[in-house]
């Protein structure tokens, strides 16, 4: 039963971070279908940091570095949606679907190429091994394995709620979006995206839990 609760919470933490990123996007008038792809790229960034960063740096540095790397990777990949929607006026749904397909394929090819290069061609798997670094993310409380990403997800949820419902920024964003016609709503906020506000930055949170 403990194991079931443990895995339920850790997987829920990952999905919660993705959902929060999508929440900010939708509240800003952006249809972000590419959430899964951004999550994959964020996970890739975090996994690479866990593989190459020495375990000797300690748990706090490892956790913080992985979170920042995952967020940065997810943020950079989410810019594809912004460029396609703003510069080229592409359909957001089609672009998001393409981002999901591209992320999985690109991550798989990149990891296989890295493993083949490091092993001299003997290892062409798409797995990234980080057994020892992973232990830095786990705190044993009796039989329960507490993962620090569980705490990150809870903090992100509280902060997101406060930003959306208790600050001028969040309330103004919702009010402006609701008052516009759906078509104008998307155009209005996608243009604001170009200035780096409202939608893109919160999307980077999705990469955190995925790693």
C-alpha atoms as a PDB file:
ATOM      1  CA  UNK A   1       0.000   0.000   0.000  1.00  0.00           C
ATOM      2  CA  UNK A   2       2.885   2.348   0.841  1.00  0.00           C
ATOM      3  CA  UNK A   3       4.471   1.661  -2.527  1.00  0.00           C
ATOM      4  CA  UNK A   4       1.200   2.423  -4.317  1.00  0.00           C
ATOM      5  CA  UNK A   5       0.812   5.751  -2.501  1.00  0.00           C
ATOM      6  CA  UNK A   6       4.459   6.608  -3.139  1.00  0.00           C
ATOM      7  CA  UNK A   7       4.291   6.086  -6.897  1.00  0.00           C
ATOM      8  CA  UNK A   8       0.893   7.752  -7.111  1.00  0.00           C
ATOM      9  CA  UNK A   9       2.263  10.906  -5.517  1.00  0.00           C
ATOM     10  CA  UNK A  10       5.456  11.048  -7.597  1.00  0.00           C
ATOM     11  CA  UNK A  11       3.616  10.570 -10.899  1.00  0.00           C
ATOM     12  CA  UNK A  12       0.944  13.021  -9.796  1.00  0.00           C
ATOM     13  CA  UNK A  13       3.710  15.548  -9.065  1.00  0.00           C
ATOM     14  CA  UNK A  14       4.991  15.295 -12.626  1.00  0.00           C
ATOM     15  CA  UNK A  15       1.530  15.694 -14.128  1.00  0.00           C
ATOM     16  CA  UNK A  16       0.733  18.530 -11.732  1.00  0.00           C
ATOM     17  CA  UNK A  17       3.697  20.567 -12.969  1.00  0.00           C
ATOM     18  CA  UNK A  18       2.640  19.957 -16.572  1.00  0.00           C
ATOM     19  CA  UNK A  19      -0.947  20.922 -15.762  1.00  0.00           C
ATOM     20  CA  UNK A  20       0.172  24.158 -14.101  1.00  0.00           C
ATOM     21  CA  UNK A  21       2.148  25.109 -17.189  1.00  0.00           C
ATOM     22  CA  UNK A  22      -0.911  24.409 -19.325  1.00  0.00           C
ATOM     23  CA  UNK A  23      -3.076  26.397 -16.904  1.00  0.00           C
ATOM     24  CA  UNK A  24      -0.979  29.520 -17.378  1.00  0.00           C
ATOM     25  CA  UNK A  25      -1.046  29.034 -21.137  1.00  0.00           C
ATOM     26  CA  UNK A  26      -4.806  28.609 -21.311  1.00  0.00           C
ATOM     27  CA  UNK A  27      -5.467  31.527 -18.978  1.00  0.00           C
ATOM     28  CA  UNK A  28      -3.329  33.646 -21.297  1.00  0.00           C
ATOM     29  CA  UNK A  29      -5.363  32.610 -24.340  1.00  0.00           C
ATOM     30  CA  UNK A  30      -2.772  30.226 -25.782  1.00  0.00           C
ATOM     31  CA  UNK A  31      -3.812  26.722 -26.851  1.00  0.00           C
ATOM     32  CA  UNK A  32      -0.747  24.712 -25.866  1.00  0.00           C
ATOM     33  CA  UNK A  33      -1.105  21.187 -27.206  1.00  0.00           C
ATOM     34  CA  UNK A  34       2.670  20.739 -27.020  1.00  0.00           C
ATOM     35  CA  UNK A  35       2.751  20.162 -23.262  1.00  0.00           C
ATOM     36  CA  UNK A  36       3.907  16.572 -23.607  1.00  0.00           C
ATOM     37  CA  UNK A  37       6.742  17.518 -25.938  1.00  0.00           C
ATOM     38  CA  UNK A  38       7.933  20.289 -23.640  1.00  0.00           C
ATOM     39  CA  UNK A  39       7.833  17.833 -20.747  1.00  0.00           C
ATOM     40  CA  UNK A  40       9.974  15.328 -22.687  1.00  0.00           C
ATOM     41  CA  UNK A  41      12.625  17.909 -23.543  1.00  0.00           C
ATOM     42  CA  UNK A  42      12.620  19.186 -19.966  1.00  0.00           C
ATOM     43  CA  UNK A  43      13.096  15.637 -18.720  1.00  0.00           C
ATOM     44  CA  UNK A  44      15.955  15.142 -21.167  1.00  0.00           C
ATOM     45  CA  UNK A  45      17.714  18.255 -19.906  1.00  0.00           C
ATOM     46  CA  UNK A  46      17.355  17.160 -16.288  1.00  0.00           C
ATOM     47  CA  UNK A  47      18.475  13.600 -17.025  1.00  0.00           C
ATOM     48  CA  UNK A  48      21.620  14.792 -18.795  1.00  0.00           C
ATOM     49  CA  UNK A  49      22.536  16.959 -15.818  1.00  0.00           C
ATOM     50  CA  UNK A  50      22.029  14.006 -13.476  1.00  0.00           C
ATOM     51  CA  UNK A  51      24.255  11.844 -15.663  1.00  0.00           C
ATOM     52  CA  UNK A  52      27.186  14.235 -16.009  1.00  0.00           C
ATOM     53  CA  UNK A  53      27.093  16.238 -12.766  1.00  0.00           C
ATOM     54  CA  UNK A  54      29.289  14.576 -10.091  1.00  0.00           C
ATOM     55  CA  UNK A  55      27.453  13.090  -7.137  1.00  0.00           C
ATOM     56  CA  UNK A  56      29.976  14.774  -4.861  1.00  0.00           C
ATOM     57  CA  UNK A  57      28.230  18.155  -5.318  1.00  0.00           C
ATOM     58  CA  UNK A  58      25.606  17.062  -2.805  1.00  0.00           C
ATOM     59  CA  UNK A  59      21.822  16.854  -2.813  1.00  0.00           C
ATOM     60  CA  UNK A  60      20.948  20.591  -2.644  1.00  0.00           C
ATOM     61  CA  UNK A  61      23.153  21.514  -5.609  1.00  0.00           C
ATOM     62  CA  UNK A  62      22.057  18.482  -7.599  1.00  0.00           C
ATOM     63  CA  UNK A  63      18.344  19.103  -7.056  1.00  0.00           C
ATOM     64  CA  UNK A  64      18.587  22.823  -7.809  1.00  0.00           C
ATOM     65  CA  UNK A  65      20.734  22.307 -10.910  1.00  0.00           C
ATOM     66  CA  UNK A  66      18.419  19.638 -12.308  1.00  0.00           C
ATOM     67  CA  UNK A  67      15.374  21.847 -11.752  1.00  0.00           C
ATOM     68  CA  UNK A  68      17.026  24.825 -13.475  1.00  0.00           C
ATOM     69  CA  UNK A  69      18.280  22.695 -16.376  1.00  0.00           C
ATOM     70  CA  UNK A  70      14.874  21.090 -16.875  1.00  0.00           C
ATOM     71  CA  UNK A  71      13.148  24.466 -16.735  1.00  0.00           C
ATOM     72  CA  UNK A  72      15.610  25.988 -19.210  1.00  0.00           C
ATOM     73  CA  UNK A  73      15.253  23.082 -21.643  1.00  0.00           C
ATOM     74  CA  UNK A  74      11.456  23.207 -21.459  1.00  0.00           C
ATOM     75  CA  UNK A  75      11.492  26.984 -21.853  1.00  0.00           C
ATOM     76  CA  UNK A  76      13.713  26.920 -24.942  1.00  0.00           C
ATOM     77  CA  UNK A  77      11.625  24.206 -26.580  1.00  0.00           C
ATOM     78  CA  UNK A  78       8.397  26.086 -25.844  1.00  0.00           C
ATOM     79  CA  UNK A  79       9.774  28.982 -27.896  1.00  0.00           C
ATOM     80  CA  UNK A  80       9.005  26.894 -30.995  1.00  0.00           C
ATOM     81  CA  UNK A  81       5.304  27.379 -30.301  1.00  0.00           C
ATOM     82  CA  UNK A  82       5.816  31.094 -29.790  1.00  0.00           C
ATOM     83  CA  UNK A  83       7.804  31.571 -33.006  1.00  0.00           C
ATOM     84  CA  UNK A  84       5.409  29.469 -35.071  1.00  0.00           C
ATOM     85  CA  UNK A  85       2.329  31.224 -33.674  1.00  0.00           C
ATOM     86  CA  UNK A  86       3.662  34.773 -33.619  1.00  0.00           C
ATOM     87  CA  UNK A  87       6.024  35.045 -36.562  1.00  0.00           C
ATOM     88  CA  UNK A  88       4.449  32.575 -38.960  1.00  0.00           C
ATOM     89  CA  UNK A  89       0.835  32.704 -37.726  1.00  0.00           C
ATOM     90  CA  UNK A  90       0.725  28.912 -37.656  1.00  0.00           C
ATOM     91  CA  UNK A  91      -2.178  26.976 -36.191  1.00  0.00           C
ATOM     92  CA  UNK A  92      -1.446  26.435 -32.504  1.00  0.00           C
ATOM     93  CA  UNK A  93      -3.048  23.002 -32.360  1.00  0.00           C
ATOM     94  CA  UNK A  94      -1.092  21.634 -35.315  1.00  0.00           C
ATOM     95  CA  UNK A  95       2.138  23.195 -34.050  1.00  0.00           C
ATOM     96  CA  UNK A  96       1.654  21.697 -30.597  1.00  0.00           C
ATOM     97  CA  UNK A  97       0.979  18.236 -32.024  1.00  0.00           C
ATOM     98  CA  UNK A  98       4.100  18.485 -34.179  1.00  0.00           C
ATOM     99  CA  UNK A  99       6.123  19.527 -31.122  1.00  0.00           C
ATOM    100  CA  UNK A 100       4.977  16.400 -29.271  1.00  0.00           C
ATOM    101  CA  UNK A 101       6.067  14.137 -32.119  1.00  0.00           C
ATOM    102  CA  UNK A 102       9.341  15.966 -32.646  1.00  0.00           C
ATOM    103  CA  UNK A 103      10.329  15.939 -28.974  1.00  0.00           C
ATOM    104  CA  UNK A 104      10.038  12.179 -28.555  1.00  0.00           C
ATOM    105  CA  UNK A 105      11.924  11.450 -31.769  1.00  0.00           C
ATOM    106  CA  UNK A 106      14.618  14.077 -31.153  1.00  0.00           C
ATOM    107  CA  UNK A 107      15.228  12.943 -27.568  1.00  0.00           C
ATOM    108  CA  UNK A 108      15.488   9.301 -28.613  1.00  0.00           C
ATOM    109  CA  UNK A 109      17.910  10.011 -31.465  1.00  0.00           C
ATOM    110  CA  UNK A 110      20.037  12.339 -29.326  1.00  0.00           C
ATOM    111  CA  UNK A 111      20.381   9.836 -26.480  1.00  0.00           C
ATOM    112  CA  UNK A 112      21.152   6.947 -28.841  1.00  0.00           C
ATOM    113  CA  UNK A 113      23.820   9.024 -30.577  1.00  0.00           C
ATOM    114  CA  UNK A 114      25.329  10.024 -27.218  1.00  0.00           C
ATOM    115  CA  UNK A 115      25.427   6.437 -25.933  1.00  0.00           C
ATOM    116  CA  UNK A 116      26.908   5.148 -29.186  1.00  0.00           C
ATOM    117  CA  UNK A 117      29.582   7.835 -29.136  1.00  0.00           C
ATOM    118  CA  UNK A 118      30.538   7.228 -25.503  1.00  0.00           C
ATOM    119  CA  UNK A 119      30.651   3.434 -25.876  1.00  0.00           C
ATOM    120  CA  UNK A 120      32.386   3.295 -29.241  1.00  0.00           C
ATOM    121  CA  UNK A 121      29.272   1.960 -30.934  1.00  0.00           C
ATOM    122  CA  UNK A 122      28.595  -0.855 -28.452  1.00  0.00           C
ATOM    123  CA  UNK A 123      25.640   0.823 -26.768  1.00  0.00           C
ATOM    124  CA  UNK A 124      22.863   2.168 -28.981  1.00  0.00           C
ATOM    125  CA  UNK A 125      20.149   2.175 -26.344  1.00  0.00           C
ATOM    126  CA  UNK A 126      17.935   5.160 -25.634  1.00  0.00           C
ATOM    127  CA  UNK A 127      18.406   4.944 -21.864  1.00  0.00           C
ATOM    128  CA  UNK A 128      20.221   7.426 -19.621  1.00  0.00           C
ATOM    129  CA  UNK A 129      21.664   5.850 -16.495  1.00  0.00           C
ATOM    130  CA  UNK A 130      21.796   7.978 -13.335  1.00  0.00           C
ATOM    131  CA  UNK A 131      21.392   5.498 -10.476  1.00  0.00           C
ATOM    132  CA  UNK A 132      23.640   7.197  -7.934  1.00  0.00           C
ATOM    133  CA  UNK A 133      22.474  10.796  -8.598  1.00  0.00           C
ATOM    134  CA  UNK A 134      18.875   9.631  -8.298  1.00  0.00           C
ATOM    135  CA  UNK A 135      19.503   8.676  -4.680  1.00  0.00           C
ATOM    136  CA  UNK A 136      20.133  12.349  -3.851  1.00  0.00           C
ATOM    137  CA  UNK A 137      16.483  13.090  -4.699  1.00  0.00           C
ATOM    138  CA  UNK A 138      15.131  10.502  -2.257  1.00  0.00           C
ATOM    139  CA  UNK A 139      14.638  10.829   1.479  1.00  0.00           C
ATOM    140  CA  UNK A 140      13.544   7.677   3.286  1.00  0.00           C
ATOM    141  CA  UNK A 141      10.803   8.255   5.851  1.00  0.00           C
ATOM    142  CA  UNK A 142      10.219   4.802   7.263  1.00  0.00           C
ATOM    143  CA  UNK A 143       9.104   2.683   4.328  1.00  0.00           C
ATOM    144  CA  UNK A 144       8.087   5.743   2.341  1.00  0.00           C
ATOM    145  CA  UNK A 145      10.548   7.195  -0.178  1.00  0.00           C
ATOM    146  CA  UNK A 146      10.014  10.941  -0.255  1.00  0.00           C
ATOM    147  CA  UNK A 147      11.143  12.574  -3.491  1.00  0.00           C
ATOM    148  CA  UNK A 148      12.056  16.261  -3.412  1.00  0.00           C
ATOM    149  CA  UNK A 149      10.023  16.827  -6.566  1.00  0.00           C
ATOM    150  CA  UNK A 150       6.913  16.121  -4.505  1.00  0.00           C
ATOM    151  CA  UNK A 151       7.713  19.227  -2.469  1.00  0.00           C
ATOM    152  CA  UNK A 152       8.507  21.208  -5.618  1.00  0.00           C
ATOM    153  CA  UNK A 153       5.096  20.318  -7.072  1.00  0.00           C
ATOM    154  CA  UNK A 154       3.256  21.393  -3.909  1.00  0.00           C
ATOM    155  CA  UNK A 155       5.150  24.701  -3.753  1.00  0.00           C
ATOM    156  CA  UNK A 156       4.487  25.321  -7.466  1.00  0.00           C
ATOM    157  CA  UNK A 157       0.762  24.680  -6.929  1.00  0.00           C
ATOM    158  CA  UNK A 158       0.555  27.136  -4.022  1.00  0.00           C
ATOM    159  CA  UNK A 159       2.549  29.812  -5.835  1.00  0.00           C
ATOM    160  CA  UNK A 160       0.509  29.396  -9.022  1.00  0.00           C
ATOM    161  CA  UNK A 161      -2.774  29.716  -7.129  1.00  0.00           C
ATOM    162  CA  UNK A 162      -1.525  32.847  -5.401  1.00  0.00           C
ATOM    163  CA  UNK A 163      -0.321  34.382  -8.668  1.00  0.00           C
ATOM    164  CA  UNK A 164      -3.514  33.630 -10.598  1.00  0.00           C
ATOM    165  CA  UNK A 165      -6.083  34.528  -7.948  1.00  0.00           C
ATOM    166  CA  UNK A 166      -4.402  36.813  -5.425  1.00  0.00           C
ATOM    167  CA  UNK A 167      -2.246  39.172  -7.496  1.00  0.00           C
ATOM    168  CA  UNK A 168      -3.008  42.035  -9.836  1.00  0.00           C
ATOM    169  CA  UNK A 169      -1.081  40.258 -12.601  1.00  0.00           C
ATOM    170  CA  UNK A 170      -3.218  37.114 -12.452  1.00  0.00           C
ATOM    171  CA  UNK A 171      -6.569  38.841 -12.061  1.00  0.00           C
ATOM    172  CA  UNK A 172      -5.792  41.354 -14.806  1.00  0.00           C
ATOM    173  CA  UNK A 173      -4.745  38.563 -17.142  1.00  0.00           C
ATOM    174  CA  UNK A 174      -7.977  36.631 -16.575  1.00  0.00           C
ATOM    175  CA  UNK A 175     -10.157  39.740 -16.911  1.00  0.00           C
ATOM    176  CA  UNK A 176      -8.508  40.842 -20.147  1.00  0.00           C
ATOM    177  CA  UNK A 177      -8.790  37.354 -21.619  1.00  0.00           C
ATOM    178  CA  UNK A 178     -12.439  36.832 -20.714  1.00  0.00           C
ATOM    179  CA  UNK A 179     -13.581  40.157 -22.154  1.00  0.00           C
ATOM    180  CA  UNK A 180     -12.159  39.459 -25.592  1.00  0.00           C
ATOM    181  CA  UNK A 181     -13.755  37.464 -28.377  1.00  0.00           C
ATOM    182  CA  UNK A 182     -12.082  34.002 -28.531  1.00  0.00           C
ATOM    183  CA  UNK A 183     -10.292  34.823 -31.800  1.00  0.00           C
ATOM    184  CA  UNK A 184      -9.151  38.219 -30.535  1.00  0.00           C
ATOM    185  CA  UNK A 185      -8.198  36.650 -27.214  1.00  0.00           C
ATOM    186  CA  UNK A 186      -5.655  34.351 -28.842  1.00  0.00           C
ATOM    187  CA  UNK A 187      -4.205  37.106 -31.036  1.00  0.00           C
ATOM    188  CA  UNK A 188      -4.018  39.565 -28.149  1.00  0.00           C
ATOM    189  CA  UNK A 189      -2.123  37.285 -25.830  1.00  0.00           C
ATOM    190  CA  UNK A 190       0.038  35.602 -28.431  1.00  0.00           C
ATOM    191  CA  UNK A 191       1.346  39.042 -29.291  1.00  0.00           C
ATOM    192  CA  UNK A 192       2.082  39.628 -25.612  1.00  0.00           C
ATOM    193  CA  UNK A 193       3.974  36.334 -25.689  1.00  0.00           C
ATOM    194  CA  UNK A 194       6.563  37.965 -27.910  1.00  0.00           C
ATOM    195  CA  UNK A 195       7.519  40.237 -25.034  1.00  0.00           C
ATOM    196  CA  UNK A 196       8.097  37.203 -22.806  1.00  0.00           C
ATOM    197  CA  UNK A 197       5.030  37.693 -20.605  1.00  0.00           C
ATOM    198  CA  UNK A 198       2.053  35.631 -19.499  1.00  0.00           C
ATOM    199  CA  UNK A 199       2.533  32.268 -21.182  1.00  0.00           C
ATOM    200  CA  UNK A 200       6.073  31.200 -22.030  1.00  0.00           C
ATOM    201  CA  UNK A 201       7.831  31.563 -18.681  1.00  0.00           C
ATOM    202  CA  UNK A 202       5.309  29.520 -16.677  1.00  0.00           C
ATOM    203  CA  UNK A 203       5.544  26.765 -19.294  1.00  0.00           C
ATOM    204  CA  UNK A 204       9.123  26.105 -18.198  1.00  0.00           C
ATOM    205  CA  UNK A 205       7.799  24.671 -14.929  1.00  0.00           C
ATOM    206  CA  UNK A 206       6.678  21.554 -16.779  1.00  0.00           C
ATOM    207  CA  UNK A 207      10.195  20.355 -17.277  1.00  0.00           C
ATOM    208  CA  UNK A 208      10.958  20.237 -13.583  1.00  0.00           C
ATOM    209  CA  UNK A 209       8.955  17.266 -12.488  1.00  0.00           C
ATOM    210  CA  UNK A 210       9.522  15.328 -15.657  1.00  0.00           C
ATOM    211  CA  UNK A 211      13.134  14.689 -14.872  1.00  0.00           C
END
